[in-house]
C-alpha atoms as a PDB file:
ATOM      1  CA  MET A   1     -10.317  11.434  28.854  1.00  0.00           C
ATOM      2  CA  ASN A   2     -10.800  14.833  30.461  1.00  0.00           C
ATOM      3  CA  THR A   3      -9.981  18.226  28.948  1.00  0.00           C
ATOM      4  CA  LYS A   4      -6.599  18.412  30.691  1.00  0.00           C
ATOM      5  CA  GLY A   5      -5.536  15.101  29.161  1.00  0.00           C
ATOM      6  CA  ILE A   6      -6.713  16.143  25.708  1.00  0.00           C
ATOM      7  CA  GLY A   7      -4.909  19.466  26.132  1.00  0.00           C
ATOM      8  CA  ILE A   8      -1.632  17.750  26.995  1.00  0.00           C
ATOM      9  CA  VAL A   9      -1.972  15.401  24.016  1.00  0.00           C
ATOM     10  CA  LEU A  10      -2.642  18.352  21.682  1.00  0.00           C
ATOM     11  CA  ILE A  11       0.392  20.223  23.009  1.00  0.00           C
ATOM     12  CA  VAL A  12       2.663  17.206  22.482  1.00  0.00           C
ATOM     13  CA  ILE A  13       1.334  16.584  18.963  1.00  0.00           C
ATOM     14  CA  GLY A  14       1.650  20.282  18.119  1.00  0.00           C
ATOM     15  CA  VAL A  15       5.265  20.470  19.286  1.00  0.00           C
ATOM     16  CA  LEU A  16       6.134  17.316  17.342  1.00  0.00           C
ATOM     17  CA  MET A  17       4.472  18.700  14.209  1.00  0.00           C
ATOM     18  CA  VAL A  18       6.525  21.892  14.484  1.00  0.00           C
ATOM     19  CA  ALA A  19       9.752  19.961  15.087  1.00  0.00           C
ATOM     20  CA  TYR A  20       9.142  17.411  12.325  1.00  0.00           C
ATOM     21  CA  ASN A  21       7.196  19.148   9.565  1.00  0.00           C
ATOM     22  CA  SER A  22       7.470  16.277   7.065  1.00  0.00           C
ATOM     23  CA  PHE A  23       8.340  12.626   6.655  1.00  0.00           C
ATOM     24  CA  ASN A  24       8.784  10.135   3.824  1.00  0.00           C
ATOM     25  CA  PHE A  25       7.744   6.559   3.402  1.00  0.00           C
ATOM     26  CA  THR A  26       8.850   4.202   0.655  1.00  0.00           C
ATOM     27  CA  THR A  27       6.818   1.619  -1.210  1.00  0.00           C
ATOM     28  CA  THR A  28       7.933  -0.990  -3.713  1.00  0.00           C
ATOM     29  CA  GLU A  29       6.086  -1.116  -7.022  1.00  0.00           C
ATOM     30  CA  LYS A  30       6.326  -3.878  -9.586  1.00  0.00           C
ATOM     31  CA  VAL A  31       7.409  -2.539 -12.980  1.00  0.00           C
ATOM     32  CA  VAL A  32       7.924  -5.738 -15.002  1.00  0.00           C
ATOM     33  CA  ASP A  33       6.814  -9.304 -14.261  1.00  0.00           C
ATOM     34  CA  LEU A  34       7.946 -11.775 -16.925  1.00  0.00           C
ATOM     35  CA  GLY A  35       7.655 -15.170 -15.281  1.00  0.00           C
ATOM     36  CA  PRO A  36      10.704 -15.633 -13.062  1.00  0.00           C
ATOM     37  CA  ILE A  37      12.015 -12.136 -13.870  1.00  0.00           C
ATOM     38  CA  GLU A  38      10.677  -9.263 -11.798  1.00  0.00           C
ATOM     39  CA  ILE A  39      11.756  -5.640 -11.877  1.00  0.00           C
ATOM     40  CA  ASN A  40      10.698  -3.510  -8.946  1.00  0.00           C
ATOM     41  CA  LYS A  41      11.271   0.120  -8.134  1.00  0.00           C
ATOM     42  CA  GLU A  42      11.124   1.948  -4.842  1.00  0.00           C
ATOM     43  CA  VAL A  43       8.928   5.026  -4.791  1.00  0.00           C
ATOM     44  CA  ASP A  44       9.272   7.736  -2.137  1.00  0.00           C
ATOM     45  CA  HIS A  45       6.076   9.326  -0.867  1.00  0.00           C
ATOM     46  CA  PRO A  46       6.744  12.605   0.976  1.00  0.00           C
ATOM     47  CA  ILE A  47       4.111  13.874   3.397  1.00  0.00           C
ATOM     48  CA  ALA A  48       4.477  17.462   4.564  1.00  0.00           C
ATOM     49  CA  TRP A  49       2.363  19.906   6.536  1.00  0.00           C
ATOM     50  CA  SER A  50       2.666  23.508   7.558  1.00  0.00           C
ATOM     51  CA  PRO A  51       4.221  24.234  10.964  1.00  0.00           C
ATOM     52  CA  ILE A  52       1.297  26.615  11.506  1.00  0.00           C
ATOM     53  CA  ILE A  53      -0.930  23.568  12.062  1.00  0.00           C
ATOM     54  CA  GLY A  54       1.379  22.402  14.869  1.00  0.00           C
ATOM     55  CA  VAL A  55       1.349  25.842  16.455  1.00  0.00           C
ATOM     56  CA  ALA A  56      -2.459  25.934  16.263  1.00  0.00           C
ATOM     57  CA  LEU A  57      -2.707  22.498  17.917  1.00  0.00           C
ATOM     58  CA  ALA A  58      -0.311  23.547  20.690  1.00  0.00           C
ATOM     59  CA  ILE A  59      -2.259  26.761  21.325  1.00  0.00           C
ATOM     60  CA  GLY A  60      -5.512  24.789  21.374  1.00  0.00           C
ATOM     61  CA  GLY A  61      -3.967  22.426  23.923  1.00  0.00           C
ATOM     62  CA  VAL A  62      -2.936  25.325  26.137  1.00  0.00           C
ATOM     63  CA  VAL A  63      -6.453  26.761  25.912  1.00  0.00           C
ATOM     64  CA  LEU A  64      -7.923  23.396  26.941  1.00  0.00           C
ATOM     65  CA  LEU A  65      -5.495  23.161  29.868  1.00  0.00           C
ATOM     66  CA  VAL A  66      -6.367  26.657  31.070  1.00  0.00           C
ATOM     67  CA  THR A  67     -10.132  26.239  30.696  1.00  0.00           C
ATOM     68  CA  GLY A  68      -9.997  22.750  32.202  1.00  0.00           C
ATOM     69  CA  SER A  69      -8.182  24.014  35.280  1.00  0.00           C
ATOM     70  CA  LYS A  70     -10.649  26.899  35.727  1.00  0.00           C
ATOM     71  CA  LYS A  71     -13.627  24.528  35.814  1.00  0.00           C
ATOM     72  CA  ASN A  72     -12.230  22.593  38.808  1.00  0.00           C
END
């Protein structure tokens, strides 16, 4: 993959990280297991990041696009 392609990918990822700065996923954990009786609970796991990281990725992608186009 050339620098233009990597730059475009970084810009897209950066914009998505700014637009969606967190997400949750849920897992099921077993609390009690007494033979045929099971008690489970769902646990939410939030994952968040700073929008500054997305902005930095987008800027890095723009820099790669500009420097990649100057080399050709």
